[in-house]
Amino acid sequence: MRKNAAILIVEPDKSLAARLAAAFESRGAGVLVAHCFQQARNHIEQGSPDIVLCATHLEKGNDGIAVLTQVQRQSPTIPVILISSTADINACKEAIKLGAYDYLVKPLAMDELVRMVDRAIQPLTVFHEPEEFAFSGVLSRSPAMQGVYRVLRRVAPTNMSILIEGESGTGKELTARAIHLSSGRAKKAFYPINCAGLAETLLESELFGHVKGAFTGATADRKGMFQLADKGTLFLDEIGDMPLVMQAKLLRVLEDGLVMPVGGTSPVKVDVRFISATNHDLAKLAEEKKFRQDLYFRIKGVSVTIPPLRNRPQDVPELFGFFLKEACEELNCDIHRITEPAMRAMMAFPWPGNIRQLRNVIRAMVVMCDNDTLDLRDLPPDISRVRQLQAPNASALAYSQDEMLGRSLEDVERQHIQQTLELTGKNRAEAAKILKIGERTLYRKIKEYGL
């Protein structure tokens, strides 16, 4: 365990709290103990611990979710581990969806708890990923991604079609390449094609190939992606944007493995593993008849969803290390580390462009850095502004009961939106993510309140 790690234990059972404190102090950690919500809140506001261990049940009217909410308001990069009884497991699972790092069930196994705490706080200081957190070189510590990896480890060695869903920039192609490298086709070709990036006629030629004279400019036979990826993997990115006519032709290839080049008369047999990706809700598109339902079921042999980076900030340090090394090699730079305040700022940023945006930001930071360590001053302004939410001034976004008494809900909401806009430099997209509302809703409220 990292020496001098600051651990906040929130546990109403004083005997258990004392045992936990003694166990972590014997390992060199600094421990703060709270037995109720108010004590926990005071500790969190006075200084940011590295991690919070919190019981699911506290005093009447407050629970572990209340502590989690307070931590996220003050410093959302702090991991929270919940300690529950068997009856609270469903509540813990809901808490993970709200941003908790993980949970353990009483009676506690101390060795398991220590390992979990180590994993949770390690990303703040190191960039080396244990094998259990990697899938073919793709790194993640988030529980959501670990679930994805468990599925991929089982399905990657097979020939099943896989559908990868997720927002733009979440790393769907990176995941597809990892699946290919973990399969029996790893030594064969991996071909990616963006189905949204080409007109229908060009897309057909790219996928199926063409024979000489098939159309103006076809001066020679040309193999398409299906043939080039024979015995390998074809990655169909943004398949939700594929024209319906092309969907019908793709379905035939999936069903019988036969490809007919444009202008050809003899089909060609191919052996291709298909991995598809989309940032659309394909099930909804299929219901609306904007995507062929039969094709949807064929490409969805197994489906996984890559969560957005804002929902897994614990992955930022490892991704940072990966992209830092990549950028330094490409740009011939020698940057070894990043300061902890700068890393915390990057973990707090919502990354609307996900991993693609993170990679580009790191490249820009490497170009501009004039020493071997990246610091807060090297961060882009929009990330620096969000960093303010980690400072004591972030309390400006929290209101006590006394401050709210006698004021209308509209008045409180107006002030909250106004202060959030000020903290984000009037960046509406950023403010909407912090407020957890849609941009259209925020725009409507800005007009409504005259902000």
Protein backbone atom coordinates (compact mmCIF):
# COMPACT_ATOMS: atom_id res chain seq x y z
CA MET A 1 0.00 0.00 0.00
CA ARG A 2 1.14 3.54 -0.78
CA LYS A 3 2.71 5.10 2.32
CA ASN A 4 0.76 7.96 3.90
CA ALA A 5 -2.35 7.21 1.84
CA ALA A 6 -5.22 9.14 3.43
CA ILE A 7 -8.20 6.85 4.15
CA LEU A 8 -11.55 8.05 5.51
CA ILE A 9 -13.53 5.29 7.26
CA VAL A 10 -17.24 6.02 7.75
CA GLU A 11 -18.65 3.30 10.01
CA PRO A 12 -21.23 3.66 12.84
CA ASP A 13 -19.97 0.47 14.52
CA LYS A 14 -17.15 1.95 16.61
CA SER A 15 -15.55 -1.43 17.26
CA LEU A 16 -15.37 -2.29 13.54
CA ALA A 17 -14.17 1.21 12.70
CA ALA A 18 -11.35 0.89 15.22
CA ARG A 19 -10.28 -2.50 13.82
CA LEU A 20 -10.24 -1.15 10.26
CA ALA A 21 -8.29 1.93 11.32
CA ALA A 22 -5.68 -0.17 13.14
CA ALA A 23 -5.28 -2.50 10.16
CA PHE A 24 -4.64 0.34 7.70
CA GLU A 25 -2.43 2.34 10.10
CA SER A 26 -0.23 -0.75 10.55
CA ARG A 27 0.30 -0.64 6.78
CA GLY A 28 1.48 2.98 6.83
CA ALA A 29 -1.77 4.72 5.91
CA GLY A 30 -3.16 7.83 7.55
CA VAL A 31 -6.70 7.16 8.78
CA LEU A 32 -9.63 9.43 9.61
CA VAL A 33 -12.73 7.93 11.24
CA ALA A 34 -16.33 9.17 11.12
CA HIS A 35 -19.31 7.49 12.78
CA CYS A 36 -22.07 9.54 11.13
CA PHE A 37 -22.79 11.52 7.97
CA GLN A 38 -22.03 14.94 9.48
CA GLN A 39 -18.60 13.82 10.72
CA ALA A 40 -17.86 12.34 7.30
CA ARG A 41 -18.98 15.54 5.59
CA ASN A 42 -16.72 17.64 7.83
CA HIS A 43 -13.68 15.46 7.03
CA ILE A 44 -14.41 15.60 3.28
CA GLU A 45 -14.80 19.40 3.29
CA GLN A 46 -11.66 19.97 5.38
CA GLY A 47 -9.40 17.98 3.10
CA SER A 48 -9.66 15.42 0.31
CA PRO A 49 -8.82 11.85 1.40
CA ASP A 50 -7.39 9.46 -1.17
CA ILE A 51 -10.28 7.03 -0.63
CA VAL A 52 -13.46 6.66 1.41
CA LEU A 53 -14.66 3.38 2.96
CA CYS A 54 -18.29 3.80 3.94
CA ALA A 55 -21.01 1.67 5.53
CA THR A 56 -24.25 1.53 3.58
CA HIS A 57 -26.31 2.25 6.73
CA LEU A 58 -25.51 5.25 8.93
CA GLU A 59 -27.86 7.23 11.16
CA LYS A 60 -31.54 7.57 10.31
CA GLY A 61 -32.05 9.73 7.23
CA ASN A 62 -28.55 9.25 5.85
CA ASP A 63 -26.72 6.35 4.25
CA GLY A 64 -23.72 5.48 2.12
CA ILE A 65 -25.35 7.07 -0.95
CA ALA A 66 -25.46 10.41 0.90
CA VAL A 67 -21.72 10.16 1.60
CA LEU A 68 -21.06 9.15 -2.03
CA THR A 69 -23.02 12.20 -3.20
CA GLN A 70 -21.05 14.48 -0.87
CA VAL A 71 -17.74 13.07 -2.12
CA GLN A 72 -18.75 13.52 -5.75
CA ARG A 73 -19.81 17.10 -5.08
CA GLN A 74 -16.54 17.96 -3.33
CA SER A 75 -14.06 15.84 -5.31
CA PRO A 76 -15.50 13.32 -7.78
CA THR A 77 -12.16 11.61 -8.40
CA ILE A 78 -12.05 10.16 -4.86
CA PRO A 79 -12.99 6.46 -5.00
CA VAL A 80 -15.71 5.30 -2.59
CA ILE A 81 -15.92 1.66 -1.46
CA LEU A 82 -19.15 0.64 0.27
CA ILE A 83 -19.28 -1.85 3.14
CA SER A 84 -22.61 -3.62 3.28
CA SER A 85 -24.60 -6.35 4.91
CA THR A 86 -25.94 -9.12 2.69
CA ALA A 87 -29.33 -7.40 2.57
CA ASP A 88 -27.82 -4.24 1.03
CA ILE A 89 -26.24 -5.81 -2.07
CA ASN A 90 -28.83 -4.39 -4.48
CA ALA A 91 -28.32 -0.93 -3.00
CA CYS A 92 -24.56 -1.33 -3.52
CA LYS A 93 -25.04 -2.27 -7.15
CA GLU A 94 -27.14 0.84 -7.64
CA ALA A 95 -24.41 2.88 -5.92
CA ILE A 96 -21.83 1.58 -8.42
CA LYS A 97 -24.05 2.90 -11.21
CA LEU A 98 -23.96 6.27 -9.41
CA GLY A 99 -20.15 6.24 -9.31
CA ALA A 100 -19.05 4.12 -6.33
CA TYR A 101 -15.80 2.25 -6.98
CA ASP A 102 -16.88 -1.11 -5.57
CA TYR A 103 -18.37 -2.79 -2.50
CA LEU A 104 -17.62 -5.57 0.00
CA VAL A 105 -20.05 -7.59 2.12
CA LYS A 106 -19.67 -8.14 5.87
CA PRO A 107 -18.01 -10.02 7.47
CA LEU A 108 -15.01 -8.36 5.86
CA ALA A 109 -11.96 -10.25 4.62
CA MET A 110 -9.20 -7.78 5.48
CA ASP A 111 -6.77 -8.98 2.81
CA GLU A 112 -9.44 -8.56 0.12
CA LEU A 113 -10.31 -5.07 1.38
CA VAL A 114 -6.63 -4.02 1.37
CA ARG A 115 -6.19 -5.27 -2.20
CA MET A 116 -9.29 -3.38 -3.29
CA VAL A 117 -8.07 -0.16 -1.66
CA ASP A 118 -4.66 -0.63 -3.31
CA ARG A 119 -6.28 -0.97 -6.72
CA ALA A 120 -8.49 2.05 -6.15
CA ILE A 121 -5.73 4.49 -5.12
CA GLN A 122 -2.90 3.09 -7.26
CA PRO A 123 -4.02 4.87 -10.46
CA LEU A 124 -3.17 8.21 -8.90
CA THR A 125 0.53 7.39 -8.80
CA VAL A 126 1.48 4.61 -11.22
CA PHE A 127 0.92 3.63 -14.83
CA HIS A 128 1.44 -0.15 -14.75
CA GLU A 129 -1.55 -2.41 -15.20
CA PRO A 130 -1.70 -5.92 -13.67
CA GLU A 131 -2.68 -8.63 -16.11
CA GLU A 132 -6.08 -9.09 -14.42
CA PHE A 133 -7.07 -5.56 -15.48
CA ALA A 134 -6.06 -5.91 -19.12
CA PHE A 135 -7.59 -7.49 -22.18
CA SER A 136 -5.03 -7.97 -24.96
CA GLY A 137 -3.26 -4.76 -23.99
CA VAL A 138 -6.45 -2.68 -23.51
CA LEU A 139 -6.34 -1.35 -19.97
CA SER A 140 -9.13 -0.66 -17.49
CA ARG A 141 -9.79 -0.69 -13.76
CA SER A 142 -13.49 0.21 -13.82
CA PRO A 143 -15.97 -2.48 -12.71
CA ALA A 144 -18.08 -1.80 -15.82
CA MET A 145 -15.14 -2.48 -18.17
CA GLN A 146 -14.11 -5.54 -16.18
CA GLY A 147 -17.55 -6.95 -17.00
CA VAL A 148 -16.92 -6.21 -20.68
CA TYR A 149 -13.52 -7.90 -20.49
CA ARG A 150 -14.98 -11.03 -18.91
CA VAL A 151 -17.32 -11.38 -21.89
CA LEU A 152 -14.59 -10.65 -24.44
CA ARG A 153 -12.14 -13.15 -22.97
CA ARG A 154 -14.72 -15.88 -23.52
CA VAL A 155 -15.95 -14.87 -26.96
CA ALA A 156 -12.72 -13.60 -28.58
CA PRO A 157 -11.28 -17.09 -29.34
CA THR A 158 -14.52 -18.08 -31.15
CA ASN A 159 -15.76 -17.05 -34.59
CA MET A 160 -18.93 -15.43 -33.27
CA SER A 161 -19.95 -12.03 -34.61
CA ILE A 162 -19.62 -9.25 -32.03
CA LEU A 163 -21.43 -5.93 -31.79
CA ILE A 164 -19.64 -3.17 -29.87
CA GLU A 165 -21.86 -0.29 -28.78
CA GLY A 166 -20.85 3.00 -27.19
CA GLU A 167 -20.46 6.73 -27.67
CA SER A 168 -18.13 8.13 -30.31
CA GLY A 169 -14.50 8.04 -29.21
CA THR A 170 -14.88 5.40 -26.47
CA GLY A 171 -12.34 3.07 -28.08
CA LYS A 172 -14.54 0.68 -30.04
CA GLU A 173 -11.92 0.11 -32.75
CA LEU A 174 -9.24 -0.41 -30.10
CA THR A 175 -11.50 -3.03 -28.53
CA ALA A 176 -12.12 -4.67 -31.91
CA ARG A 177 -8.37 -4.93 -32.56
CA ALA A 178 -7.90 -6.48 -29.11
CA ILE A 179 -10.57 -9.09 -29.92
CA HIS A 180 -8.77 -9.89 -33.19
CA LEU A 181 -5.41 -10.23 -31.44
CA SER A 182 -6.97 -12.59 -28.87
CA SER A 183 -8.46 -14.84 -31.55
CA GLY A 184 -7.12 -17.65 -33.70
CA ARG A 185 -7.05 -15.14 -36.57
CA ALA A 186 -4.47 -12.90 -34.90
CA LYS A 187 -1.79 -13.63 -37.52
CA LYS A 188 -4.15 -12.76 -40.36
CA ALA A 189 -5.38 -9.34 -41.49
CA PHE A 190 -7.57 -6.94 -39.53
CA TYR A 191 -9.40 -4.51 -41.82
CA PRO A 192 -11.45 -1.59 -40.45
CA ILE A 193 -13.93 0.33 -42.60
CA ASN A 194 -16.14 3.27 -41.62
CA CYS A 195 -19.60 2.60 -43.03
CA ALA A 196 -20.59 6.25 -42.52
CA GLY A 197 -17.60 7.70 -44.32
CA LEU A 198 -18.36 6.59 -47.89
CA ALA A 199 -21.18 7.07 -50.37
CA GLU A 200 -23.24 3.94 -51.09
CA THR A 201 -21.58 3.17 -54.44
CA LEU A 202 -18.08 3.63 -53.04
CA LEU A 203 -18.92 1.58 -49.95
CA GLU A 204 -20.08 -1.33 -52.11
CA SER A 205 -16.89 -1.24 -54.17
CA GLU A 206 -14.75 -1.03 -51.01
CA LEU A 207 -16.46 -4.01 -49.41
CA PHE A 208 -17.15 -6.27 -52.39
CA GLY A 209 -14.45 -5.19 -54.86
CA HIS A 210 -15.10 -4.90 -58.57
CA VAL A 211 -14.11 -6.38 -61.90
CA LYS A 212 -12.48 -4.52 -64.75
CA GLY A 213 -15.00 -2.40 -66.65
CA ALA A 214 -17.67 -2.56 -63.92
CA PHE A 215 -17.97 1.22 -64.00
CA THR A 216 -16.13 4.25 -65.34
CA GLY A 217 -12.63 4.23 -63.88
CA ALA A 218 -12.58 0.48 -63.11
CA THR A 219 -9.49 -0.21 -65.20
CA ALA A 220 -8.56 -3.43 -63.42
CA ASP A 221 -9.99 -6.10 -61.12
CA ARG A 222 -9.85 -5.02 -57.49
CA LYS A 223 -10.42 -7.10 -54.37
CA GLY A 224 -12.75 -5.68 -51.75
CA MET A 225 -12.44 -5.74 -47.97
CA PHE A 226 -14.29 -9.04 -47.69
CA GLN A 227 -11.65 -10.81 -49.80
CA LEU A 228 -8.71 -8.92 -48.28
CA ALA A 229 -9.89 -9.94 -44.79
CA ASP A 230 -10.24 -13.62 -45.76
CA LYS A 231 -9.21 -15.82 -42.79
CA GLY A 232 -8.97 -12.59 -40.76
CA THR A 233 -11.31 -10.00 -39.21
CA LEU A 234 -13.40 -7.25 -40.78
CA PHE A 235 -14.39 -4.36 -38.51
CA LEU A 236 -17.53 -2.55 -39.67
CA ASP A 237 -17.47 0.76 -37.81
CA GLU A 238 -20.64 2.91 -37.58
CA ILE A 239 -22.69 0.10 -39.07
CA GLY A 240 -25.87 1.90 -38.00
CA ASP A 241 -25.21 4.40 -40.80
CA MET A 242 -24.96 1.74 -43.53
CA PRO A 243 -27.59 2.26 -46.28
CA LEU A 244 -30.46 -0.25 -46.25
CA VAL A 245 -29.56 -1.56 -49.73
CA MET A 246 -26.04 -2.36 -48.51
CA GLN A 247 -27.44 -3.98 -45.38
CA ALA A 248 -29.27 -6.53 -47.54
CA LYS A 249 -26.06 -7.37 -49.43
CA LEU A 250 -24.07 -7.65 -46.17
CA LEU A 251 -26.70 -10.03 -44.78
CA ARG A 252 -26.19 -12.39 -47.71
CA VAL A 253 -22.44 -12.49 -47.05
CA LEU A 254 -23.05 -13.26 -43.38
CA GLU A 255 -25.46 -16.04 -44.25
CA ASP A 256 -23.54 -17.91 -46.93
CA GLY A 257 -20.01 -16.46 -46.98
CA LEU A 258 -20.24 -15.63 -50.70
CA VAL A 259 -19.14 -12.28 -52.12
CA MET A 260 -20.14 -10.99 -55.55
CA PRO A 261 -17.76 -8.25 -56.81
CA VAL A 262 -19.40 -5.27 -58.49
CA GLY A 263 -19.86 -6.20 -62.16
CA GLY A 264 -18.89 -9.80 -61.49
CA THR A 265 -20.70 -13.00 -62.45
CA SER A 266 -19.02 -15.54 -60.18
CA PRO A 267 -19.27 -15.29 -56.36
CA VAL A 268 -16.13 -15.69 -54.26
CA LYS A 269 -16.12 -17.75 -51.04
CA VAL A 270 -14.64 -15.94 -48.01
CA ASP A 271 -13.99 -16.85 -44.39
CA VAL A 272 -14.27 -13.63 -42.37
CA ARG A 273 -14.94 -12.88 -38.71
CA PHE A 274 -17.23 -9.84 -38.38
CA ILE A 275 -17.00 -7.25 -35.62
CA SER A 276 -19.39 -4.32 -35.87
CA ALA A 277 -19.63 -1.07 -33.91
CA THR A 278 -22.14 1.73 -33.54
CA ASN A 279 -22.88 4.82 -31.49
CA HIS A 280 -26.60 4.44 -32.27
CA ASP A 281 -29.29 2.41 -30.51
CA LEU A 282 -29.53 -0.31 -33.14
CA ALA A 283 -32.42 -2.06 -31.41
CA LYS A 284 -34.46 1.14 -31.64
CA LEU A 285 -33.43 1.70 -35.27
CA ALA A 286 -34.51 -1.87 -36.04
CA GLU A 287 -37.90 -1.26 -34.40
CA GLU A 288 -38.29 1.92 -36.49
CA LYS A 289 -37.32 -0.09 -39.62
CA LYS A 290 -34.31 2.16 -40.19
CA PHE A 291 -32.01 -0.84 -39.74
CA ARG A 292 -32.75 -4.38 -40.93
CA GLN A 293 -33.89 -6.48 -37.99
CA ASP A 294 -32.57 -9.72 -39.52
CA LEU A 295 -29.13 -8.15 -39.96
CA TYR A 296 -29.24 -6.77 -36.42
CA PHE A 297 -29.72 -10.26 -35.01
CA ARG A 298 -26.94 -11.66 -37.22
CA ILE A 299 -24.28 -9.13 -36.23
CA LYS A 300 -25.34 -9.27 -32.57
CA GLY A 301 -24.00 -12.73 -31.85
CA VAL A 302 -22.63 -11.20 -28.65
CA SER A 303 -22.89 -7.51 -27.79
CA VAL A 304 -20.91 -5.37 -25.36
CA THR A 305 -21.25 -1.71 -24.46
CA ILE A 306 -18.14 0.42 -23.86
CA PRO A 307 -19.02 2.98 -21.17
CA PRO A 308 -18.06 6.63 -21.74
CA LEU A 309 -14.83 7.82 -20.13
CA ARG A 310 -16.71 10.19 -17.78
CA ASN A 311 -18.23 7.10 -16.13
CA ARG A 312 -14.84 5.46 -15.52
CA PRO A 313 -12.37 8.15 -14.37
CA GLN A 314 -10.21 5.47 -12.74
CA ASP A 315 -9.14 4.49 -16.27
CA VAL A 316 -7.71 7.91 -17.10
CA PRO A 317 -4.26 7.34 -15.46
CA GLU A 318 -3.58 4.10 -17.32
CA LEU A 319 -4.83 5.49 -20.62
CA PHE A 320 -2.72 8.57 -19.96
CA GLY A 321 0.38 6.42 -19.49
CA PHE A 322 -0.33 4.50 -22.69
CA PHE A 323 -0.92 7.62 -24.81
CA LEU A 324 1.96 9.52 -23.17
CA LYS A 325 4.38 6.79 -24.19
CA GLU A 326 2.91 6.74 -27.70
CA ALA A 327 3.18 10.52 -28.07
CA CYS A 328 6.73 10.68 -26.70
CA GLU A 329 7.90 7.99 -29.12
CA GLU A 330 6.24 9.68 -32.07
CA LEU A 331 7.34 13.22 -31.18
CA ASN A 332 10.78 12.24 -29.83
CA CYS A 333 10.10 13.74 -26.38
CA ASP A 334 11.25 12.61 -22.96
CA ILE A 335 8.41 13.18 -20.49
CA HIS A 336 8.28 10.76 -17.56
CA ARG A 337 5.45 11.75 -15.27
CA ILE A 338 2.50 13.94 -14.41
CA THR A 339 1.88 15.64 -11.06
CA GLU A 340 -0.94 14.34 -8.88
CA PRO A 341 -2.97 17.62 -9.00
CA ALA A 342 -2.84 17.55 -12.79
CA MET A 343 -3.91 13.91 -12.88
CA ARG A 344 -6.79 14.59 -10.51
CA ALA A 345 -7.91 17.41 -12.81
CA MET A 346 -7.83 15.09 -15.81
CA MET A 347 -9.81 12.46 -13.90
CA ALA A 348 -12.43 15.06 -12.97
CA PHE A 349 -12.92 16.29 -16.54
CA PRO A 350 -16.03 14.78 -18.26
CA TRP A 351 -14.24 14.09 -21.60
CA PRO A 352 -17.18 14.58 -23.98
CA GLY A 353 -14.96 13.28 -26.81
CA ASN A 354 -13.95 10.26 -24.69
CA ILE A 355 -10.67 8.43 -25.35
CA ARG A 356 -10.15 10.11 -28.73
CA GLN A 357 -10.22 13.51 -27.04
CA LEU A 358 -7.92 12.34 -24.23
CA ARG A 359 -5.36 11.11 -26.75
CA ASN A 360 -5.38 14.41 -28.67
CA VAL A 361 -5.08 16.45 -25.47
CA ILE A 362 -2.07 14.41 -24.35
CA ARG A 363 -0.35 14.91 -27.69
CA ALA A 364 -0.88 18.66 -27.43
CA MET A 365 0.44 18.71 -23.84
CA VAL A 366 3.57 16.80 -24.87
CA VAL A 367 4.26 19.28 -27.67
CA MET A 368 3.90 22.28 -25.33
CA CYS A 369 5.67 20.89 -22.23
CA ASP A 370 9.19 22.27 -21.66
CA ASN A 371 10.43 19.76 -19.04
CA ASP A 372 10.04 16.09 -18.11
CA THR A 373 6.92 16.53 -15.94
CA LEU A 374 3.41 17.58 -16.95
CA ASP A 375 1.72 19.91 -14.46
CA LEU A 376 -1.53 21.85 -14.04
CA ARG A 377 -0.16 24.70 -16.14
CA ASP A 378 0.16 22.32 -19.11
CA LEU A 379 -3.56 21.47 -19.07
CA PRO A 380 -5.90 23.06 -21.62
CA PRO A 381 -8.08 25.87 -20.16
CA ASP A 382 -11.33 23.87 -20.28
CA ILE A 383 -9.79 21.13 -18.13
CA SER A 384 -8.26 23.69 -15.78
CA ARG A 385 -11.69 25.29 -15.25
CA VAL A 386 -13.23 21.98 -14.23
CA ARG A 387 -10.32 21.61 -11.80
CA GLN A 388 -11.86 24.47 -9.84
CA LEU A 389 -14.65 22.11 -8.86
CA GLN A 390 -12.07 20.15 -6.84
CA ALA A 391 -11.01 23.20 -4.84
CA PRO A 392 -12.66 24.48 -1.62
CA ASN A 393 -14.54 27.04 -3.77
CA ALA A 394 -16.59 24.14 -5.07
CA SER A 395 -18.71 24.56 -1.94
CA ALA A 396 -20.28 27.46 -3.84
CA LEU A 397 -22.28 24.79 -5.66
CA ALA A 398 -23.61 23.30 -2.41
CA TYR A 399 -26.27 24.97 -0.30
CA SER A 400 -27.11 24.44 3.34
CA GLN A 401 -30.70 24.08 4.52
CA ASP A 402 -30.52 27.56 6.07
CA GLU A 403 -29.50 29.09 2.74
CA MET A 404 -32.41 27.44 0.93
CA LEU A 405 -35.17 28.06 3.47
CA GLY A 406 -37.68 30.64 2.29
CA ARG A 407 -36.45 30.56 -1.31
CA SER A 408 -38.43 29.17 -4.21
CA LEU A 409 -37.20 26.10 -6.07
CA GLU A 410 -36.90 28.23 -9.22
CA ASP A 411 -34.66 30.73 -7.39
CA VAL A 412 -32.35 28.00 -6.08
CA GLU A 413 -32.21 26.31 -9.50
CA ARG A 414 -31.47 29.61 -11.24
CA GLN A 415 -28.55 30.38 -8.91
CA HIS A 416 -27.18 26.84 -9.22
CA ILE A 417 -27.23 26.97 -13.02
CA GLN A 418 -25.69 30.45 -13.05
CA GLN A 419 -22.79 29.46 -10.78
CA THR A 420 -22.15 26.28 -12.75
CA LEU A 421 -21.98 28.29 -15.97
CA GLU A 422 -19.51 30.67 -14.33
CA LEU A 423 -17.29 27.79 -13.15
CA THR A 424 -17.21 26.28 -16.63
CA GLY A 425 -16.53 29.55 -18.40
CA LYS A 426 -20.06 29.44 -19.90
CA ASN A 427 -19.28 26.16 -21.63
CA ARG A 428 -22.83 24.81 -21.93
CA ALA A 429 -21.87 21.25 -22.82
CA GLU A 430 -19.56 21.06 -19.82
CA ALA A 431 -22.14 22.68 -17.52
CA ALA A 432 -24.86 20.28 -18.68
CA LYS A 433 -22.69 17.27 -17.79
CA ILE A 434 -21.97 18.68 -14.32
CA LEU A 435 -25.67 19.44 -13.77
CA LYS A 436 -26.59 16.00 -15.16
CA ILE A 437 -29.16 17.40 -17.57
CA GLY A 438 -29.34 17.47 -21.37
CA GLU A 439 -27.93 20.42 -23.32
CA ARG A 440 -31.38 21.22 -24.73
CA THR A 441 -32.82 21.31 -21.21
CA LEU A 442 -30.00 23.59 -20.08
CA TYR A 443 -30.51 25.89 -23.08
CA ARG A 444 -34.24 26.11 -22.31
CA LYS A 445 -33.58 26.96 -18.66
CA ILE A 446 -30.98 29.59 -19.61
CA LYS A 447 -33.63 31.29 -21.74
CA GLU A 448 -36.28 30.79 -19.07
CA TYR A 449 -34.15 32.38 -16.34
CA GLY A 450 -32.60 35.03 -18.60
CA LEU A 451 -29.03 33.87 -17.90
